[in-house]
Amino acid sequence: MTRDGKHTHEHAKGIGPLMIVDGITTPELILDATYERLAGGDIFDAMESLLVSLTALRSSLEHQAWLDFCATSLRTHPVFAFVHQAPFTKRAFDKPRGYPGDAVTLDYIYGVESLREHTGPEVARLSAWEFQTPSCRSVRARKDVLAKHIDDIAALVSRPRVLSLACGHLREARTSEAVLNRAVDFVAVDQDPDSVATVDAQLKEYGVRAIKGSVRAVLAKKLAFQELDLAYAAGLYDYLGQPMAKELSSRLFEMLRSGGRLLIPNFNPTLRDIGYLEGFMDWQLIYRDDDAMLDLASALPANQVAGCELFRESHGNITFLAVTKV
């Protein structure tokens, strides 16, 4: 069905996530078919097919051609407005705080942000679909990995010193038994004053110190900490180019005590919903494979590195680099 409601693919048939017309697959037909299915109430399966199709299309196009498709064909198609009924996707695209992954947007992923003000069955079904997408599952898994590392450090060290850079709302603290038991000297840093205020209001009673500060201040050594047992940045590295990411790793590593650990998570390029994130949310990340992750540690002084390992969260979409100091 076209945007004016006319059927133009009577001879089309679905093969997997794509629409094949006389042996030819076109992005426009994919969008038309998806909109027809969504309007008919087939939301979950239609969105799953669209997710796969968009990532496949992204892989098949030159970068500029992909950007052009997103800016013209996709974002002017009625399927775009239909999907933007979902508050998580719409907020990421609108970027009210200037970037797509702000703390409130992530709270939709965690199930913290309420959907009560958004009514209607379509919104509920779209939101339920969003909640189980690969990226959202992995963000929740990342939170659990971070909380476990905090607890593991607390089991080894009496009142460990922990730093979270670009902390957002620091939701992993609510999952950490050590934080809830006030057993951690925790510093949470973010450049967003609203996020800092939220952390201060919700976690100050657990001994968390919320500080307004930027990555640039850390790089310039205007903001620094000493004798840390754990330093991490939950989603920050997904936005940093390799030179800046390596420099930041060096700054954070300098702040560790002997035996301290630097933990860096980053989405890897195998993520299945990259096309959806970029197309519907304008959410551009820097994806790193294993070699790029290991390269983040290449600028660290080798004689101060006791161990360096890579691992992934349970869904396999986020890779963690863990570096331990001698």
C-alpha atoms as a PDB file:
ATOM      1  CA  MET A   1       0.000   0.000   0.000  1.00  0.00           C
ATOM      2  CA  THR A   2       1.323   3.417  -0.898  1.00  0.00           C
ATOM      3  CA  ARG A   3       1.068   6.512   1.258  1.00  0.00           C
ATOM      4  CA  ASP A   4      -2.167   7.536  -0.454  1.00  0.00           C
ATOM      5  CA  GLY A   5      -3.691   4.145   0.345  1.00  0.00           C
ATOM      6  CA  LYS A   6      -3.445   2.587  -3.117  1.00  0.00           C
ATOM      7  CA  HIS A   7      -2.274  -0.984  -3.500  1.00  0.00           C
ATOM      8  CA  THR A   8       0.755  -1.194  -5.765  1.00  0.00           C
ATOM      9  CA  HIS A   9       2.117  -4.657  -5.047  1.00  0.00           C
ATOM     10  CA  GLU A  10      -0.677  -7.120  -5.710  1.00  0.00           C
ATOM     11  CA  HIS A  11       1.993  -9.494  -6.977  1.00  0.00           C
ATOM     12  CA  ALA A  12       4.204  -8.994  -3.940  1.00  0.00           C
ATOM     13  CA  LYS A  13       4.863 -11.729  -1.453  1.00  0.00           C
ATOM     14  CA  GLY A  14       6.718 -11.743   1.830  1.00  0.00           C
ATOM     15  CA  ILE A  15       9.974 -13.661   1.956  1.00  0.00           C
ATOM     16  CA  GLY A  16      11.441 -13.330   5.420  1.00  0.00           C
ATOM     17  CA  PRO A  17      11.592  -9.648   6.314  1.00  0.00           C
ATOM     18  CA  LEU A  18      11.735  -8.370   2.720  1.00  0.00           C
ATOM     19  CA  MET A  19       9.149  -7.676   0.072  1.00  0.00           C
ATOM     20  CA  ILE A  20       9.935  -9.220  -3.303  1.00  0.00           C
ATOM     21  CA  VAL A  21       8.178  -7.744  -6.343  1.00  0.00           C
ATOM     22  CA  ASP A  22       8.895  -9.407  -9.689  1.00  0.00           C
ATOM     23  CA  GLY A  23      12.229 -10.474  -8.246  1.00  0.00           C
ATOM     24  CA  ILE A  24      13.120  -6.949  -7.086  1.00  0.00           C
ATOM     25  CA  THR A  25      13.318  -5.751  -3.501  1.00  0.00           C
ATOM     26  CA  THR A  26      12.916  -2.040  -2.853  1.00  0.00           C
ATOM     27  CA  PRO A  27      13.160  -0.136   0.442  1.00  0.00           C
ATOM     28  CA  GLU A  28       9.972   1.763  -0.373  1.00  0.00           C
ATOM     29  CA  LEU A  29       8.022  -1.473  -0.701  1.00  0.00           C
ATOM     30  CA  ILE A  30       9.381  -2.618   2.632  1.00  0.00           C
ATOM     31  CA  LEU A  31       8.084   0.572   4.242  1.00  0.00           C
ATOM     32  CA  ASP A  32       4.724   0.318   2.472  1.00  0.00           C
ATOM     33  CA  ALA A  33       4.263  -3.306   3.504  1.00  0.00           C
ATOM     34  CA  THR A  34       5.285  -2.568   7.094  1.00  0.00           C
ATOM     35  CA  TYR A  35       2.830   0.329   7.357  1.00  0.00           C
ATOM     36  CA  GLU A  36       0.025  -1.834   6.009  1.00  0.00           C
ATOM     37  CA  ARG A  37       0.765  -4.521   8.597  1.00  0.00           C
ATOM     38  CA  LEU A  38       1.056  -2.005  11.441  1.00  0.00           C
ATOM     39  CA  ALA A  39      -2.221  -0.339  10.504  1.00  0.00           C
ATOM     40  CA  GLY A  40      -3.800  -3.787  10.520  1.00  0.00           C
ATOM     41  CA  GLY A  41      -2.616  -4.450  14.076  1.00  0.00           C
ATOM     42  CA  ASP A  42       0.255  -6.814  13.269  1.00  0.00           C
ATOM     43  CA  ILE A  43       2.658  -4.687  15.260  1.00  0.00           C
ATOM     44  CA  PHE A  44       5.127  -7.091  16.834  1.00  0.00           C
ATOM     45  CA  ASP A  45       5.909  -9.227  13.779  1.00  0.00           C
ATOM     46  CA  ALA A  46       5.887  -6.214  11.447  1.00  0.00           C
ATOM     47  CA  MET A  47       8.404  -4.367  13.620  1.00  0.00           C
ATOM     48  CA  GLU A  48      10.631  -7.433  13.900  1.00  0.00           C
ATOM     49  CA  SER A  49      10.704  -7.756  10.115  1.00  0.00           C
ATOM     50  CA  LEU A  50      11.365  -4.043   9.707  1.00  0.00           C
ATOM     51  CA  LEU A  51      14.246  -4.183  12.197  1.00  0.00           C
ATOM     52  CA  VAL A  52      15.988  -6.920  10.234  1.00  0.00           C
ATOM     53  CA  SER A  53      15.300  -5.244   6.900  1.00  0.00           C
ATOM     54  CA  LEU A  54      16.686  -1.871   7.958  1.00  0.00           C
ATOM     55  CA  THR A  55      19.957  -3.314   9.229  1.00  0.00           C
ATOM     56  CA  ALA A  56      20.312  -5.361   6.029  1.00  0.00           C
ATOM     57  CA  LEU A  57      19.620  -2.259   3.946  1.00  0.00           C
ATOM     58  CA  ARG A  58      22.160  -0.248   5.931  1.00  0.00           C
ATOM     59  CA  SER A  59      24.792  -2.911   5.236  1.00  0.00           C
ATOM     60  CA  SER A  60      24.029  -2.916   1.516  1.00  0.00           C
ATOM     61  CA  LEU A  61      24.257   0.850   0.969  1.00  0.00           C
ATOM     62  CA  GLU A  62      27.083   3.325   0.939  1.00  0.00           C
ATOM     63  CA  HIS A  63      27.021   5.441   4.085  1.00  0.00           C
ATOM     64  CA  GLN A  64      25.729   8.600   2.402  1.00  0.00           C
ATOM     65  CA  ALA A  65      23.063   6.646   0.521  1.00  0.00           C
ATOM     66  CA  TRP A  66      21.875   5.176   3.833  1.00  0.00           C
ATOM     67  CA  LEU A  67      21.725   8.636   5.423  1.00  0.00           C
ATOM     68  CA  ASP A  68      19.812   9.959   2.419  1.00  0.00           C
ATOM     69  CA  PHE A  69      17.313   7.094   2.654  1.00  0.00           C
ATOM     70  CA  CYS A  70      16.749   7.808   6.352  1.00  0.00           C
ATOM     71  CA  ALA A  71      16.312  11.550   5.824  1.00  0.00           C
ATOM     72  CA  THR A  72      13.972  11.276   2.847  1.00  0.00           C
ATOM     73  CA  SER A  73      12.222   7.965   2.180  1.00  0.00           C
ATOM     74  CA  LEU A  74      11.991   6.762   5.779  1.00  0.00           C
ATOM     75  CA  ARG A  75      11.263   9.938   7.723  1.00  0.00           C
ATOM     76  CA  THR A  76       8.662  11.213   5.259  1.00  0.00           C
ATOM     77  CA  HIS A  77       6.807   7.887   5.156  1.00  0.00           C
ATOM     78  CA  PRO A  78       3.690   7.407   7.338  1.00  0.00           C
ATOM     79  CA  VAL A  79       5.333   4.407   8.994  1.00  0.00           C
ATOM     80  CA  PHE A  80       7.711   6.857  10.679  1.00  0.00           C
ATOM     81  CA  ALA A  81       4.912   8.840  12.343  1.00  0.00           C
ATOM     82  CA  PHE A  82       3.147   5.610  13.312  1.00  0.00           C
ATOM     83  CA  VAL A  83       6.205   4.228  15.086  1.00  0.00           C
ATOM     84  CA  HIS A  84       6.889   7.594  16.732  1.00  0.00           C
ATOM     85  CA  GLN A  85       3.783   7.106  18.813  1.00  0.00           C
ATOM     86  CA  ALA A  86       6.141   5.105  21.031  1.00  0.00           C
ATOM     87  CA  PRO A  87       7.625   7.542  23.597  1.00  0.00           C
ATOM     88  CA  PHE A  88      11.040   5.882  23.806  1.00  0.00           C
ATOM     89  CA  THR A  89      11.732   6.039  20.068  1.00  0.00           C
ATOM     90  CA  LYS A  90      10.280   9.546  19.756  1.00  0.00           C
ATOM     91  CA  ARG A  91      12.292  10.955  22.670  1.00  0.00           C
ATOM     92  CA  ALA A  92      15.526   9.482  21.321  1.00  0.00           C
ATOM     93  CA  PHE A  93      14.863  11.109  17.953  1.00  0.00           C
ATOM     94  CA  ASP A  94      13.743  14.468  19.402  1.00  0.00           C
ATOM     95  CA  LYS A  95      16.803  14.718  21.711  1.00  0.00           C
ATOM     96  CA  PRO A  96      15.347  17.178  24.246  1.00  0.00           C
ATOM     97  CA  ARG A  97      18.688  17.309  26.074  1.00  0.00           C
ATOM     98  CA  GLY A  98      20.734  17.510  22.882  1.00  0.00           C
ATOM     99  CA  TYR A  99      21.659  13.832  22.492  1.00  0.00           C
ATOM    100  CA  PRO A 100      19.640  10.625  21.969  1.00  0.00           C
ATOM    101  CA  GLY A 101      20.737   8.533  24.957  1.00  0.00           C
ATOM    102  CA  ASP A 102      19.950  10.880  27.821  1.00  0.00           C
ATOM    103  CA  ALA A 103      19.131   9.448  31.244  1.00  0.00           C
ATOM    104  CA  VAL A 104      15.361   9.785  30.845  1.00  0.00           C
ATOM    105  CA  THR A 105      15.480   7.980  27.494  1.00  0.00           C
ATOM    106  CA  LEU A 106      17.470   5.149  29.079  1.00  0.00           C
ATOM    107  CA  ASP A 107      14.893   4.943  31.858  1.00  0.00           C
ATOM    108  CA  TYR A 108      12.395   3.723  29.247  1.00  0.00           C
ATOM    109  CA  ILE A 109      14.812   0.861  28.574  1.00  0.00           C
ATOM    110  CA  TYR A 110      15.058   0.082  32.277  1.00  0.00           C
ATOM    111  CA  GLY A 111      11.307   0.219  32.738  1.00  0.00           C
ATOM    112  CA  VAL A 112      11.642   3.123  35.179  1.00  0.00           C
ATOM    113  CA  GLU A 113      10.022   5.842  33.062  1.00  0.00           C
ATOM    114  CA  SER A 114       6.243   5.576  33.223  1.00  0.00           C
ATOM    115  CA  LEU A 115       4.106   5.038  30.129  1.00  0.00           C
ATOM    116  CA  ARG A 116       0.889   6.005  31.922  1.00  0.00           C
ATOM    117  CA  GLU A 117       0.624   9.372  30.190  1.00  0.00           C
ATOM    118  CA  HIS A 118       0.786   7.604  26.800  1.00  0.00           C
ATOM    119  CA  THR A 119      -2.479   5.859  26.057  1.00  0.00           C
ATOM    120  CA  GLY A 120      -3.816   3.486  23.473  1.00  0.00           C
ATOM    121  CA  PRO A 121      -3.202  -0.143  22.489  1.00  0.00           C
ATOM    122  CA  GLU A 122      -0.872   0.773  19.636  1.00  0.00           C
ATOM    123  CA  VAL A 123       1.461   2.644  21.995  1.00  0.00           C
ATOM    124  CA  ALA A 124       1.413  -0.235  24.463  1.00  0.00           C
ATOM    125  CA  ARG A 125       2.275  -2.805  21.804  1.00  0.00           C
ATOM    126  CA  LEU A 126       4.957  -0.643  20.211  1.00  0.00           C
ATOM    127  CA  SER A 127       6.503  -0.034  23.637  1.00  0.00           C
ATOM    128  CA  ALA A 128       6.410  -3.737  24.453  1.00  0.00           C
ATOM    129  CA  TRP A 129       8.210  -4.441  21.189  1.00  0.00           C
ATOM    130  CA  GLU A 130      10.830  -1.740  21.877  1.00  0.00           C
ATOM    131  CA  PHE A 131      11.469  -3.159  25.339  1.00  0.00           C
ATOM    132  CA  GLN A 132      12.617  -6.523  23.979  1.00  0.00           C
ATOM    133  CA  THR A 133      14.794  -5.299  21.096  1.00  0.00           C
ATOM    134  CA  PRO A 134      18.431  -6.495  21.170  1.00  0.00           C
ATOM    135  CA  SER A 135      19.872  -3.111  22.156  1.00  0.00           C
ATOM    136  CA  CYS A 136      17.420  -2.636  25.020  1.00  0.00           C
ATOM    137  CA  ARG A 137      18.014  -6.131  26.370  1.00  0.00           C
ATOM    138  CA  SER A 138      21.748  -5.542  26.277  1.00  0.00           C
ATOM    139  CA  VAL A 139      21.529  -2.160  28.025  1.00  0.00           C
ATOM    140  CA  ARG A 140      19.689  -3.837  30.891  1.00  0.00           C
ATOM    141  CA  ALA A 141      22.257  -6.629  30.915  1.00  0.00           C
ATOM    142  CA  ARG A 142      25.036  -4.018  30.972  1.00  0.00           C
ATOM    143  CA  LYS A 143      23.492  -2.514  34.094  1.00  0.00           C
ATOM    144  CA  ASP A 144      23.573  -5.896  35.792  1.00  0.00           C
ATOM    145  CA  VAL A 145      27.210  -6.509  34.790  1.00  0.00           C
ATOM    146  CA  LEU A 146      28.222  -3.146  36.247  1.00  0.00           C
ATOM    147  CA  ALA A 147      26.360  -3.824  39.490  1.00  0.00           C
ATOM    148  CA  LYS A 148      28.061  -7.212  39.791  1.00  0.00           C
ATOM    149  CA  HIS A 149      31.504  -5.660  39.337  1.00  0.00           C
ATOM    150  CA  ILE A 150      30.739  -3.119  42.050  1.00  0.00           C
ATOM    151  CA  ASP A 151      29.676  -5.928  44.385  1.00  0.00           C
ATOM    152  CA  ASP A 152      32.682  -8.077  43.477  1.00  0.00           C
ATOM    153  CA  ILE A 153      35.071  -5.218  44.291  1.00  0.00           C
ATOM    154  CA  ALA A 154      33.265  -4.618  47.579  1.00  0.00           C
ATOM    155  CA  ALA A 155      33.691  -8.289  48.463  1.00  0.00           C
ATOM    156  CA  LEU A 156      37.461  -7.969  48.051  1.00  0.00           C
ATOM    157  CA  VAL A 157      38.139  -4.477  49.374  1.00  0.00           C
ATOM    158  CA  SER A 158      36.788  -2.774  52.458  1.00  0.00           C
ATOM    159  CA  ARG A 159      34.777   0.260  51.343  1.00  0.00           C
ATOM    160  CA  PRO A 160      36.134   0.450  47.786  1.00  0.00           C
ATOM    161  CA  ARG A 161      36.342   3.711  45.861  1.00  0.00           C
ATOM    162  CA  VAL A 162      34.269   3.596  42.682  1.00  0.00           C
ATOM    163  CA  LEU A 163      33.879   6.146  39.884  1.00  0.00           C
ATOM    164  CA  SER A 164      31.110   6.189  37.289  1.00  0.00           C
ATOM    165  CA  LEU A 165      31.795   8.703  34.505  1.00  0.00           C
ATOM    166  CA  ALA A 166      28.822   9.921  32.446  1.00  0.00           C
ATOM    167  CA  CYS A 167      26.671   8.236  35.057  1.00  0.00           C
ATOM    168  CA  GLY A 168      23.202   9.240  33.848  1.00  0.00           C
ATOM    169  CA  HIS A 169      20.751   8.225  36.553  1.00  0.00           C
ATOM    170  CA  LEU A 170      23.168   5.541  37.813  1.00  0.00           C
ATOM    171  CA  ARG A 171      20.512   2.824  37.731  1.00  0.00           C
ATOM    172  CA  GLU A 172      23.096   0.096  38.352  1.00  0.00           C
ATOM    173  CA  ALA A 173      23.476   1.441  41.898  1.00  0.00           C
ATOM    174  CA  ARG A 174      19.962   0.246  42.701  1.00  0.00           C
ATOM    175  CA  THR A 175      20.997  -3.254  41.624  1.00  0.00           C
ATOM    176  CA  SER A 176      24.193  -3.274  43.700  1.00  0.00           C
ATOM    177  CA  GLU A 177      23.914  -4.766  47.181  1.00  0.00           C
ATOM    178  CA  ALA A 178      27.151  -3.039  48.179  1.00  0.00           C
ATOM    179  CA  VAL A 179      25.790   0.403  47.285  1.00  0.00           C
ATOM    180  CA  LEU A 180      22.453  -0.228  48.986  1.00  0.00           C
ATOM    181  CA  ASN A 181      24.335  -1.388  52.085  1.00  0.00           C
ATOM    182  CA  ARG A 182      26.387   1.841  52.008  1.00  0.00           C
ATOM    183  CA  ALA A 183      29.593  -0.173  51.650  1.00  0.00           C
ATOM    184  CA  VAL A 184      31.055   1.825  48.742  1.00  0.00           C
ATOM    185  CA  ASP A 185      32.688   5.242  48.485  1.00  0.00           C
ATOM    186  CA  PHE A 186      30.954   6.111  45.223  1.00  0.00           C
ATOM    187  CA  VAL A 187      31.475   9.143  42.990  1.00  0.00           C
ATOM    188  CA  ALA A 188      29.046   9.679  40.086  1.00  0.00           C
ATOM    189  CA  VAL A 189      29.992  12.271  37.448  1.00  0.00           C
ATOM    190  CA  ASP A 190      27.837  13.626  34.635  1.00  0.00           C
ATOM    191  CA  GLN A 191      27.796  16.816  32.568  1.00  0.00           C
ATOM    192  CA  ASP A 192      23.977  16.955  32.612  1.00  0.00           C
ATOM    193  CA  PRO A 193      22.864  18.935  35.691  1.00  0.00           C
ATOM    194  CA  ASP A 194      19.437  17.276  35.648  1.00  0.00           C
ATOM    195  CA  SER A 195      21.030  13.827  35.840  1.00  0.00           C
ATOM    196  CA  VAL A 196      23.325  14.965  38.645  1.00  0.00           C
ATOM    197  CA  ALA A 197      20.343  16.336  40.555  1.00  0.00           C
ATOM    198  CA  THR A 198      18.434  13.065  40.132  1.00  0.00           C
ATOM    199  CA  VAL A 199      21.346  10.959  41.388  1.00  0.00           C
ATOM    200  CA  ASP A 200      21.857  13.293  44.325  1.00  0.00           C
ATOM    201  CA  ALA A 201      18.174  13.187  45.286  1.00  0.00           C
ATOM    202  CA  GLN A 202      17.804   9.415  44.951  1.00  0.00           C
ATOM    203  CA  LEU A 203      21.186   8.059  46.061  1.00  0.00           C
ATOM    204  CA  LYS A 204      22.752  10.567  48.418  1.00  0.00           C
ATOM    205  CA  GLU A 205      21.391   8.621  51.384  1.00  0.00           C
ATOM    206  CA  TYR A 206      23.470   5.633  50.195  1.00  0.00           C
ATOM    207  CA  GLY A 207      26.682   7.629  50.234  1.00  0.00           C
ATOM    208  CA  VAL A 208      26.819   8.375  46.498  1.00  0.00           C
ATOM    209  CA  ARG A 209      28.396  11.740  45.695  1.00  0.00           C
ATOM    210  CA  ALA A 210      26.999  13.251  42.506  1.00  0.00           C
ATOM    211  CA  ILE A 211      29.296  15.736  40.754  1.00  0.00           C
ATOM    212  CA  LYS A 212      28.762  17.832  37.644  1.00  0.00           C
ATOM    213  CA  GLY A 213      31.748  17.301  35.370  1.00  0.00           C
ATOM    214  CA  SER A 214      32.653  16.663  31.755  1.00  0.00           C
ATOM    215  CA  VAL A 215      34.835  14.277  29.821  1.00  0.00           C
ATOM    216  CA  ARG A 216      36.875  17.238  28.635  1.00  0.00           C
ATOM    217  CA  ALA A 217      37.599  18.173  32.242  1.00  0.00           C
ATOM    218  CA  VAL A 218      38.884  14.648  32.849  1.00  0.00           C
ATOM    219  CA  LEU A 219      41.018  14.747  29.697  1.00  0.00           C
ATOM    220  CA  ALA A 220      42.477  18.119  30.752  1.00  0.00           C
ATOM    221  CA  LYS A 221      43.135  16.709  34.247  1.00  0.00           C
ATOM    222  CA  LYS A 222      40.945  19.405  35.745  1.00  0.00           C
ATOM    223  CA  LEU A 223      38.778  16.676  37.212  1.00  0.00           C
ATOM    224  CA  ALA A 224      40.644  13.728  38.693  1.00  0.00           C
ATOM    225  CA  PHE A 225      40.367  11.187  41.474  1.00  0.00           C
ATOM    226  CA  GLN A 226      42.933   9.013  43.214  1.00  0.00           C
ATOM    227  CA  GLU A 227      43.249   5.461  44.495  1.00  0.00           C
ATOM    228  CA  LEU A 228      40.125   4.177  42.751  1.00  0.00           C
ATOM    229  CA  ASP A 229      39.286   0.494  42.997  1.00  0.00           C
ATOM    230  CA  LEU A 230      36.920   0.606  40.020  1.00  0.00           C
ATOM    231  CA  ALA A 231      36.420   3.182  37.264  1.00  0.00           C
ATOM    232  CA  TYR A 232      33.882   2.741  34.487  1.00  0.00           C
ATOM    233  CA  ALA A 233      31.755   4.639  31.979  1.00  0.00           C
ATOM    234  CA  ALA A 234      28.526   2.800  31.188  1.00  0.00           C
ATOM    235  CA  GLY A 235      27.629   4.136  27.732  1.00  0.00           C
ATOM    236  CA  LEU A 236      30.121   6.899  27.124  1.00  0.00           C
ATOM    237  CA  TYR A 237      32.598   5.130  24.843  1.00  0.00           C
ATOM    238  CA  ASP A 238      29.852   4.441  22.280  1.00  0.00           C
ATOM    239  CA  TYR A 239      30.092   8.148  21.419  1.00  0.00           C
ATOM    240  CA  LEU A 240      33.881   8.665  21.460  1.00  0.00           C
ATOM    241  CA  GLY A 241      36.233   8.375  18.516  1.00  0.00           C
ATOM    242  CA  GLN A 242      39.244   6.133  18.960  1.00  0.00           C
ATOM    243  CA  PRO A 243      41.863   8.832  19.756  1.00  0.00           C
ATOM    244  CA  MET A 244      39.733  10.450  22.453  1.00  0.00           C
ATOM    245  CA  ALA A 245      38.628   7.070  23.814  1.00  0.00           C
ATOM    246  CA  LYS A 246      42.249   5.952  24.182  1.00  0.00           C
ATOM    247  CA  GLU A 247      43.227   9.185  25.883  1.00  0.00           C
ATOM    248  CA  LEU A 248      40.319   8.933  28.297  1.00  0.00           C
ATOM    249  CA  SER A 249      41.273   5.341  29.101  1.00  0.00           C
ATOM    250  CA  SER A 250      44.753   6.552  30.023  1.00  0.00           C
ATOM    251  CA  ARG A 251      43.351   9.268  32.308  1.00  0.00           C
ATOM    252  CA  LEU A 252      41.026   6.834  34.087  1.00  0.00           C
ATOM    253  CA  PHE A 253      43.756   4.203  34.395  1.00  0.00           C
ATOM    254  CA  GLU A 254      45.997   6.783  36.107  1.00  0.00           C
ATOM    255  CA  MET A 255      43.353   7.202  38.802  1.00  0.00           C
ATOM    256  CA  LEU A 256      43.372   3.530  39.802  1.00  0.00           C
ATOM    257  CA  ARG A 257      45.176   2.187  42.805  1.00  0.00           C
ATOM    258  CA  SER A 258      47.273  -0.978  42.604  1.00  0.00           C
ATOM    259  CA  GLY A 259      44.859  -3.799  41.877  1.00  0.00           C
ATOM    260  CA  GLY A 260      42.186  -1.394  40.632  1.00  0.00           C
ATOM    261  CA  ARG A 261      40.133  -2.131  37.538  1.00  0.00           C
ATOM    262  CA  LEU A 262      39.077  -0.071  34.528  1.00  0.00           C
ATOM    263  CA  LEU A 263      35.866  -1.341  32.917  1.00  0.00           C
ATOM    264  CA  ILE A 264      34.797  -0.146  29.454  1.00  0.00           C
ATOM    265  CA  PRO A 265      31.617  -1.395  27.753  1.00  0.00           C
ATOM    266  CA  ASN A 266      30.888  -0.678  24.086  1.00  0.00           C
ATOM    267  CA  PHE A 267      28.306  -1.935  21.600  1.00  0.00           C
ATOM    268  CA  ASN A 268      29.817  -4.155  18.944  1.00  0.00           C
ATOM    269  CA  PRO A 269      28.946  -4.081  15.221  1.00  0.00           C
ATOM    270  CA  THR A 270      26.986  -7.351  15.328  1.00  0.00           C
ATOM    271  CA  LEU A 271      24.003  -5.565  16.910  1.00  0.00           C
ATOM    272  CA  ARG A 272      20.870  -6.480  14.945  1.00  0.00           C
ATOM    273  CA  ASP A 273      18.948  -3.233  15.386  1.00  0.00           C
ATOM    274  CA  ILE A 274      21.557  -0.716  14.224  1.00  0.00           C
ATOM    275  CA  GLY A 275      19.360   0.189  11.258  1.00  0.00           C
ATOM    276  CA  TYR A 276      16.377   0.894  13.488  1.00  0.00           C
ATOM    277  CA  LEU A 277      18.427   2.971  15.937  1.00  0.00           C
ATOM    278  CA  GLU A 278      19.844   5.119  13.161  1.00  0.00           C
ATOM    279  CA  GLY A 279      16.727   5.299  11.007  1.00  0.00           C
ATOM    280  CA  PHE A 280      13.945   5.875  13.502  1.00  0.00           C
ATOM    281  CA  MET A 281      15.900   7.373  16.409  1.00  0.00           C
ATOM    282  CA  ASP A 282      18.787   9.130  14.655  1.00  0.00           C
ATOM    283  CA  TRP A 283      20.873   7.379  17.309  1.00  0.00           C
ATOM    284  CA  GLN A 284      24.409   7.209  15.953  1.00  0.00           C
ATOM    285  CA  LEU A 285      26.886   5.110  17.920  1.00  0.00           C
ATOM    286  CA  ILE A 286      30.498   4.116  17.396  1.00  0.00           C
ATOM    287  CA  TYR A 287      30.577   0.321  17.253  1.00  0.00           C
ATOM    288  CA  ARG A 288      33.803  -1.484  18.167  1.00  0.00           C
ATOM    289  CA  ASP A 289      34.914  -5.001  17.354  1.00  0.00           C
ATOM    290  CA  ASP A 290      37.343  -6.901  19.576  1.00  0.00           C
ATOM    291  CA  ASP A 291      40.432  -5.424  17.943  1.00  0.00           C
ATOM    292  CA  ALA A 292      39.181  -1.879  18.432  1.00  0.00           C
ATOM    293  CA  MET A 293      38.343  -2.648  22.059  1.00  0.00           C
ATOM    294  CA  LEU A 294      41.802  -4.027  22.755  1.00  0.00           C
ATOM    295  CA  ASP A 295      43.306  -1.014  21.033  1.00  0.00           C
ATOM    296  CA  LEU A 296      41.803   1.173  23.768  1.00  0.00           C
ATOM    297  CA  ALA A 297      44.362  -0.322  26.141  1.00  0.00           C
ATOM    298  CA  SER A 298      47.313   0.055  23.776  1.00  0.00           C
ATOM    299  CA  ALA A 299      48.254   3.479  25.128  1.00  0.00           C
ATOM    300  CA  LEU A 300      48.422   2.264  28.723  1.00  0.00           C
ATOM    301  CA  PRO A 301      51.902   1.689  30.179  1.00  0.00           C
ATOM    302  CA  ALA A 302      52.509  -2.025  29.674  1.00  0.00           C
ATOM    303  CA  ASN A 303      54.478  -2.377  32.905  1.00  0.00           C
ATOM    304  CA  GLN A 304      51.430  -1.184  34.853  1.00  0.00           C
ATOM    305  CA  VAL A 305      48.918  -3.571  33.284  1.00  0.00           C
ATOM    306  CA  ALA A 306      48.416  -6.728  35.324  1.00  0.00           C
ATOM    307  CA  GLY A 307      45.691  -8.128  33.096  1.00  0.00           C
ATOM    308  CA  CYS A 308      43.478  -7.267  30.142  1.00  0.00           C
ATOM    309  CA  GLU A 309      40.407  -9.231  29.085  1.00  0.00           C
ATOM    310  CA  LEU A 310      37.355  -9.003  26.862  1.00  0.00           C
ATOM    311  CA  PHE A 311      33.934 -10.434  27.609  1.00  0.00           C
ATOM    312  CA  ARG A 312      30.332  -9.820  26.554  1.00  0.00           C
ATOM    313  CA  GLU A 313      27.056  -9.467  28.387  1.00  0.00           C
ATOM    314  CA  SER A 314      24.578 -12.322  28.137  1.00  0.00           C
ATOM    315  CA  HIS A 315      23.037 -11.206  24.827  1.00  0.00           C
ATOM    316  CA  GLY A 316      26.406 -10.676  23.137  1.00  0.00           C
ATOM    317  CA  ASN A 317      25.835  -7.151  21.836  1.00  0.00           C
ATOM    318  CA  ILE A 318      28.036  -5.219  24.265  1.00  0.00           C
ATOM    319  CA  THR A 319      31.715  -6.013  24.675  1.00  0.00           C
ATOM    320  CA  PHE A 320      33.498  -5.174  27.913  1.00  0.00           C
ATOM    321  CA  LEU A 321      37.177  -4.378  28.188  1.00  0.00           C
ATOM    322  CA  ALA A 322      38.501  -4.960  31.707  1.00  0.00           C
ATOM    323  CA  VAL A 323      42.019  -3.777  32.556  1.00  0.00           C
ATOM    324  CA  THR A 324      43.597  -4.417  35.956  1.00  0.00           C
ATOM    325  CA  LYS A 325      46.445  -2.293  37.276  1.00  0.00           C
ATOM    326  CA  VAL A 326      49.613  -3.810  38.716  1.00  0.00           C
END
